[in-house]
Protein backbone atom coordinates (compact mmCIF):
# COMPACT_ATOMS: atom_id res chain seq x y z
CA MET A 1 3.79 25.88 -9.17
CA SER A 2 1.15 23.28 -7.77
CA ARG A 3 2.23 20.09 -5.94
CA LYS A 4 0.70 18.10 -8.94
CA ARG A 5 3.02 19.83 -11.30
CA CYS A 6 6.09 19.30 -9.09
CA TYR A 7 6.04 15.34 -9.03
CA THR A 8 7.65 14.71 -12.31
CA ILE A 9 10.48 17.14 -11.72
CA VAL A 10 11.42 15.87 -8.39
CA CYS A 11 11.14 12.27 -9.19
CA ILE A 12 14.43 12.22 -11.32
CA LEU A 13 16.50 13.42 -8.36
CA LEU A 14 14.98 10.77 -5.92
CA CYS A 15 14.52 7.54 -8.00
CA LEU A 16 17.98 6.14 -7.80
CA SER A 17 18.76 7.17 -4.11
CA LEU A 18 15.17 6.24 -2.67
CA LEU A 19 14.47 3.10 -4.47
CA ALA A 20 17.82 1.86 -3.40
CA GLY A 21 16.84 2.19 0.15
CA CYS A 22 18.37 4.21 2.99
CA ARG A 23 22.03 4.86 2.68
CA LYS A 24 23.93 4.23 5.76
CA GLY A 25 25.19 6.47 8.58
CA LYS A 26 26.44 4.69 11.49
CA GLU A 27 25.96 1.65 9.82
CA PRO A 28 23.52 -0.73 11.62
CA GLU A 29 24.46 -4.40 11.74
CA GLU A 30 21.91 -6.86 10.22
CA GLY A 31 18.96 -7.02 12.68
CA GLU A 32 20.02 -3.77 14.44
CA SER A 33 17.46 -0.90 15.15
CA PHE A 34 17.83 2.29 13.05
CA ILE A 35 16.27 5.51 12.42
CA CYS A 36 15.94 6.96 8.93
CA TYR A 37 17.28 10.67 8.44
CA VAL A 38 17.69 12.60 5.16
CA ASN A 39 21.05 14.02 3.70
CA THR A 40 21.56 17.76 3.83
CA GLU A 41 20.64 17.93 -0.08
CA ASP A 42 17.28 16.52 0.67
CA THR A 43 17.98 13.90 -2.03
CA ALA A 44 18.45 10.55 -0.10
CA LEU A 45 17.59 8.85 3.12
CA VAL A 46 20.45 7.92 5.57
CA LYS A 47 20.24 5.14 7.98
CA GLU A 48 21.71 5.63 11.70
CA LYS A 49 22.05 3.07 14.19
CA TYR A 50 19.43 3.24 16.91
CA GLU A 51 19.04 1.76 20.31
CA MET A 52 15.54 0.52 20.61
CA LYS A 53 13.87 1.83 23.73
CA GLY A 54 10.33 0.80 25.22
CA GLU A 55 8.82 -2.09 27.10
CA ASN A 56 5.87 -2.57 24.64
CA ALA A 57 4.90 -1.71 21.00
CA GLU A 58 3.18 1.54 21.95
CA GLU A 59 6.14 2.72 23.84
CA LYS A 60 8.55 1.69 20.91
CA VAL A 61 6.48 3.43 18.32
CA GLN A 62 6.36 6.72 20.58
CA ASN A 63 10.09 6.64 21.10
CA LEU A 64 10.82 6.17 17.42
CA LEU A 65 8.46 8.80 16.45
CA ASN A 66 10.22 11.32 18.95
CA ALA A 67 13.71 10.19 17.72
CA MET A 68 12.78 10.96 14.31
CA GLN A 69 11.41 14.35 14.96
CA LYS A 70 14.64 15.40 16.71
CA GLU A 71 17.69 16.56 14.83
CA PRO A 72 20.56 14.04 14.79
CA ASP A 73 24.09 14.63 16.25
CA SER A 74 25.89 14.26 12.93
CA ILE A 75 25.94 17.41 10.73
CA GLU A 76 26.05 15.22 7.68
CA TYR A 77 22.18 14.54 7.71
CA LYS A 78 19.03 15.88 9.40
CA SER A 79 15.49 15.04 10.48
CA VAL A 80 13.03 14.43 7.66
CA PHE A 81 10.58 16.56 9.56
CA PRO A 82 10.34 20.07 8.81
CA GLU A 83 10.27 22.37 11.82
CA LYS A 84 6.66 22.95 11.91
CA LEU A 85 5.38 19.56 10.92
CA LYS A 86 3.83 17.80 13.95
CA ILE A 87 2.42 14.55 14.67
CA GLN A 88 -1.13 15.08 16.43
CA ASP A 89 -1.97 11.68 17.06
CA TRP A 90 -1.39 7.87 16.33
CA THR A 91 -3.10 4.63 16.76
CA LEU A 92 -1.67 1.06 16.37
CA SER A 93 -4.01 -1.85 16.09
CA ASP A 94 -3.50 -5.27 14.30
CA LYS A 95 -0.05 -4.43 12.96
CA LYS A 96 -1.78 -1.15 11.40
CA LEU A 97 -0.22 2.09 12.36
CA GLU A 98 -2.27 5.09 11.42
CA ILE A 99 -0.53 8.56 12.06
CA HIS A 100 -2.14 12.02 12.07
CA PHE A 101 -0.06 14.91 11.07
CA ASN A 102 -1.09 18.52 11.29
CA SER A 103 -1.99 20.67 8.36
CA THR A 104 1.60 21.72 7.79
CA TYR A 105 1.95 18.50 5.87
CA GLU A 106 0.11 20.06 3.10
CA LYS A 107 2.85 22.52 2.45
CA LEU A 108 5.56 19.88 1.77
CA SER A 109 7.15 19.84 -1.43
CA ALA A 110 6.66 16.54 -3.58
CA ALA A 111 10.39 15.84 -2.83
CA LYS A 112 10.09 16.19 1.09
CA GLU A 113 6.82 14.28 1.00
CA VAL A 114 8.30 11.16 -0.58
CA LEU A 115 11.27 11.23 1.66
CA LEU A 116 9.26 11.63 4.65
CA LYS A 117 6.79 8.66 3.88
CA ALA A 118 9.76 6.56 2.94
CA ALA A 119 11.57 7.10 6.10
CA VAL A 120 8.63 6.98 8.57
CA VAL A 121 7.42 3.75 7.06
CA GLN A 122 10.80 1.94 6.83
CA THR A 123 11.79 3.07 10.33
CA LEU A 124 8.21 2.13 11.96
CA SER A 125 7.98 -1.00 9.89
CA GLN A 126 11.31 -2.62 11.58
CA LEU A 127 8.89 -3.45 14.52
CA SER A 128 7.39 -6.67 14.35
CA GLU A 129 4.21 -5.16 15.72
CA VAL A 130 4.00 -2.78 12.64
CA GLU A 131 3.40 -3.96 8.94
CA TYR A 132 1.18 -1.13 7.56
CA VAL A 133 1.44 2.66 8.07
CA CYS A 134 -1.23 5.01 6.72
CA PHE A 135 -0.97 8.93 6.95
CA PHE A 136 -3.56 11.31 7.66
CA ILE A 137 -3.63 15.03 7.56
CA GLU A 138 -5.56 15.96 10.65
CA ASN A 139 -8.59 13.46 10.28
CA SER A 140 -8.38 13.39 6.55
CA PRO A 141 -6.81 10.16 4.79
CA LEU A 142 -3.77 11.28 2.70
CA THR A 143 -4.20 11.41 -1.09
CA ASP A 144 -1.86 11.36 -3.88
CA ASN A 145 -1.79 14.07 -6.84
CA LEU A 146 -4.63 12.46 -8.47
CA GLY A 147 -6.84 12.76 -5.40
CA LYS A 148 -6.85 9.06 -4.64
CA GLU A 149 -6.26 7.84 -1.22
CA VAL A 150 -2.74 6.53 -0.69
CA GLY A 151 -3.93 3.98 2.04
CA TYR A 152 -1.48 1.68 3.81
CA MET A 153 1.94 1.77 2.94
CA ARG A 154 4.71 -0.98 3.48
CA ALA A 155 8.56 -0.69 3.78
CA GLU A 156 8.70 -2.71 0.45
CA ASP A 157 6.56 -0.13 -1.33
CA PHE A 158 9.76 2.03 -1.37
CA VAL A 159 12.33 -0.39 -2.70
CA GLN A 160 10.63 -1.69 -5.79
CA ASN A 161 10.80 -0.91 -9.50
CA THR A 162 14.39 0.06 -9.59
CA GLY A 163 15.04 2.67 -12.43
CA SER A 164 11.49 3.76 -12.77
CA LEU A 165 10.57 7.21 -12.05
CA LEU A 166 8.36 7.76 -8.73
CA TYR A 167 4.90 9.07 -9.22
CA SER A 168 5.23 8.75 -13.00
CA TYR A 169 1.98 7.47 -14.48
CA GLN A 170 1.04 5.18 -17.44
CA VAL A 171 -2.13 3.73 -19.07
CA GLY A 172 -3.02 0.27 -18.89
CA GLU A 173 -5.78 -2.12 -20.24
CA LEU A 174 -7.38 -4.58 -17.80
CA LYS A 175 -9.62 -7.41 -17.92
CA LEU A 176 -11.90 -7.58 -14.81
CA TYR A 177 -14.39 -9.95 -13.61
CA PHE A 178 -17.69 -8.90 -12.14
CA ALA A 179 -21.21 -10.52 -11.08
CA ASN A 180 -24.10 -10.95 -13.48
CA GLU A 181 -27.55 -9.69 -12.35
CA GLN A 182 -28.41 -13.07 -10.81
CA GLY A 183 -24.91 -13.10 -8.86
CA ASN A 184 -24.25 -16.78 -10.22
CA ALA A 185 -21.77 -16.12 -12.79
CA LEU A 186 -18.93 -13.75 -13.89
CA ILE A 187 -18.85 -11.48 -16.76
CA THR A 188 -15.86 -9.66 -17.78
CA GLU A 189 -15.26 -5.88 -18.36
CA ASN A 190 -12.26 -4.46 -20.29
CA ILE A 191 -11.06 -1.11 -19.02
CA SER A 192 -8.27 1.43 -19.69
CA VAL A 193 -6.96 2.83 -16.52
CA ARG A 194 -4.05 5.56 -15.89
CA TYR A 195 -2.04 4.47 -12.79
CA ASN A 196 0.78 5.02 -10.81
CA SER A 197 3.82 3.19 -12.26
CA ASN A 198 4.98 2.05 -8.66
CA THR A 199 1.74 0.40 -8.33
CA SER A 200 1.96 -3.26 -9.20
CA ILE A 201 -0.56 -4.59 -11.57
CA GLU A 202 -1.95 -7.01 -9.18
CA LYS A 203 -2.70 -4.34 -6.71
CA LEU A 204 -4.08 -2.08 -9.38
CA ILE A 205 -6.51 -4.79 -10.33
CA VAL A 206 -7.71 -5.25 -6.77
CA GLU A 207 -8.41 -1.53 -6.49
CA GLN A 208 -10.12 -1.54 -9.70
CA LEU A 209 -12.34 -4.25 -8.70
CA LEU A 210 -13.04 -2.39 -5.28
CA LYS A 211 -14.49 0.66 -7.51
CA GLY A 212 -17.13 -1.78 -9.10
CA PRO A 213 -18.17 -2.04 -12.78
CA SER A 214 -18.98 0.90 -15.11
CA LYS A 215 -20.79 -1.09 -17.58
CA GLU A 216 -24.50 -1.88 -17.07
CA GLY A 217 -25.61 -5.28 -16.33
CA LEU A 218 -22.61 -5.82 -14.25
CA TYR A 219 -22.45 -5.69 -10.57
CA PRO A 220 -19.99 -5.36 -7.82
CA VAL A 221 -18.26 -8.15 -5.89
CA ILE A 222 -16.31 -6.64 -3.13
CA PRO A 223 -17.75 -4.67 -0.50
CA PRO A 224 -16.84 -1.03 -1.10
CA GLU A 225 -15.89 -0.34 2.70
CA THR A 226 -12.99 -3.05 2.38
CA LYS A 227 -9.51 -1.80 2.88
CA VAL A 228 -6.35 -3.39 0.79
CA LEU A 229 -3.81 -4.12 3.40
CA GLY A 230 -1.35 -5.39 1.07
CA VAL A 231 -0.96 -7.19 -2.45
CA SER A 232 2.41 -8.95 -3.20
CA VAL A 233 3.82 -11.67 -5.53
CA LYS A 234 6.01 -14.63 -4.57
CA ASP A 235 6.72 -17.81 -6.24
CA ASN A 236 4.22 -17.31 -8.93
CA VAL A 237 1.28 -16.51 -6.15
CA CYS A 238 -0.37 -13.46 -5.67
CA TYR A 239 -1.09 -12.71 -1.84
CA VAL A 240 -4.14 -10.40 -1.54
CA ASN A 241 -4.48 -9.26 2.17
CA LEU A 242 -7.70 -7.52 2.92
CA ASP A 243 -9.19 -6.11 6.14
CA GLU A 244 -12.19 -7.45 7.70
CA GLY A 245 -14.46 -5.39 5.66
CA PHE A 246 -14.28 -8.03 3.15
CA LEU A 247 -16.24 -10.45 5.22
CA ASN A 248 -19.22 -8.08 5.59
CA ASN A 249 -20.59 -8.69 2.06
CA THR A 250 -24.10 -8.01 1.75
CA TYR A 251 -24.49 -8.34 -1.89
CA THR A 252 -26.78 -11.11 -2.87
CA ILE A 253 -24.30 -13.23 -4.86
CA ASP A 254 -22.89 -16.65 -4.82
CA PRO A 255 -19.60 -16.43 -2.61
CA LYS A 256 -17.65 -18.23 -5.14
CA ILE A 257 -18.41 -15.16 -7.46
CA THR A 258 -16.84 -12.74 -5.22
CA ILE A 259 -13.67 -14.84 -4.80
CA TYR A 260 -13.12 -15.94 -8.22
CA ALA A 261 -13.62 -12.35 -9.49
CA ILE A 262 -10.61 -11.70 -7.78
CA VAL A 263 -8.80 -14.87 -8.48
CA ASN A 264 -9.56 -14.81 -12.30
CA SER A 265 -8.87 -10.90 -12.59
CA ILE A 266 -5.39 -11.37 -11.29
CA VAL A 267 -4.56 -14.57 -12.81
CA ASP A 268 -5.50 -13.16 -16.39
CA GLY A 269 -3.95 -9.64 -15.74
CA GLY A 270 -1.03 -10.27 -13.86
CA ALA A 271 2.02 -12.69 -13.56
CA SER A 272 0.59 -15.10 -11.11
CA SER A 273 -0.85 -18.42 -11.76
CA GLN A 274 -2.65 -18.60 -8.46
CA VAL A 275 -4.00 -16.19 -5.84
CA GLN A 276 -4.12 -16.71 -2.09
CA ILE A 277 -6.64 -14.39 -0.28
CA LEU A 278 -6.02 -13.26 3.44
CA VAL A 279 -7.92 -11.28 5.86
CA ASN A 280 -5.93 -9.34 8.19
CA GLY A 281 -3.12 -11.76 7.29
CA GLU A 282 -4.91 -15.01 8.05
CA SER A 283 -5.69 -17.53 5.66
CA ASP A 284 -7.36 -20.03 7.84
CA ILE A 285 -10.96 -18.85 6.70
CA THR A 286 -13.87 -20.35 4.76
CA TYR A 287 -15.31 -17.26 3.07
CA MET A 288 -19.11 -17.01 3.89
CA GLY A 289 -19.15 -20.52 5.07
CA THR A 290 -18.60 -21.74 1.58
CA VAL A 291 -15.21 -21.01 0.04
CA ASP A 292 -11.91 -22.39 1.61
CA LEU A 293 -9.22 -19.72 1.50
CA SER A 294 -6.67 -21.90 3.39
CA LYS A 295 -4.83 -22.54 0.12
CA PRO A 296 -4.05 -20.48 -3.22
CA LEU A 297 -6.69 -20.76 -5.79
CA SER A 298 -6.25 -21.00 -9.57
CA ARG A 299 -8.78 -19.36 -11.95
CA ASP A 300 -12.10 -21.05 -12.75
CA GLN A 301 -13.27 -20.62 -16.21
CA ASN A 302 -16.47 -22.50 -15.54
CA LEU A 303 -17.92 -19.66 -13.56
CA VAL A 304 -17.60 -17.24 -16.61
CA GLU A 305 -20.77 -16.37 -18.31
CA GLU A 306 -20.57 -17.37 -22.01
CA LYS A 307 -21.39 -14.56 -24.40
CA GLU A 308 -24.20 -15.00 -26.52
C-alpha cells in the first residue's frame, strides 16, 4: 500500500493524542525543558523532563537532536527515530532550523512520520532561537502526499484543529486578488482548491497567491521565490510572516497592489478584519519605499478594478 493511501487510516488513531499535544512522562514544570518521545504503541507523544545543555544555540540544538535519537531510560516510551533514520546535517539561521535526513525517511509509515514531525518541531521550538523547522530528505525539501512542499513548521501547527483528522482534505472556494495588466489595480479571481484541513484558510490564501493566477489578463503579485514563514490570527488580525524574498519584487506593478492583493484576499476569505505583514518577523518596514507595514492594514476596495 502506498504512503498516500495510508494517511486517512492512520489519522483516526493519531488525531486525539497528537492534537492534544505531548502527554507527560516525568512531568516537566512550566518553563522546564523537555524531550518528546513516543509511546510503545506508536500512537501518542510523551514529554519527558530534560536538562538543557549547551553554551549557545548551536550546541543546544545538537544536544537536543542527539538526545532525541537515543532511547530513553523508561520502558514505557521510546525514541521517535527508527533505528536507521539519521540526521545528515542541519543549519540554523534567523530562527529557521533546516534538518536534512537520510533516505530512510522515505520508508516511514504515515503514522510514524506525523509523530516524528510533531516531536522534533515541538522539542526544538522550545528554544528561543528556533521558531521554524523545515525537513529535507537528503537535499530535497519534504513534500506531503500531494507532492506539495511542507515548508516551515511551527509547534502550534500540531496543536490546532482539535477533533479533525490529520491529513484529511476538503474543497474550498477562494476569492483572490491579482494585478491587472498595467499593474495599477486589482482584479479578482475565484478558484476552487483542494487542501489539507489542518491548513488555516488564511495560510491557504497566501499559498495560492504565491502560485499566481490561472486566468488570462491577471498577473502575479508576490515573487515566486518568497517563502511563507508563518500565518496566524490573533485578536481579529492576521499576521503574515514572509522571508526576505518578498522584498525582491521585480514585477512592474504598484507596490500597493502587491500589499493589498494579500490584505484584500485574506480579509474577504478569512475571519480577520486586518492584516499585518512581516518580513522575517519584522514589521518596521516600508515596502518598496512606498507602503508602511508597521501597522495592520484594512482592505482597500478603491484599488479594485470595476468590471465593465
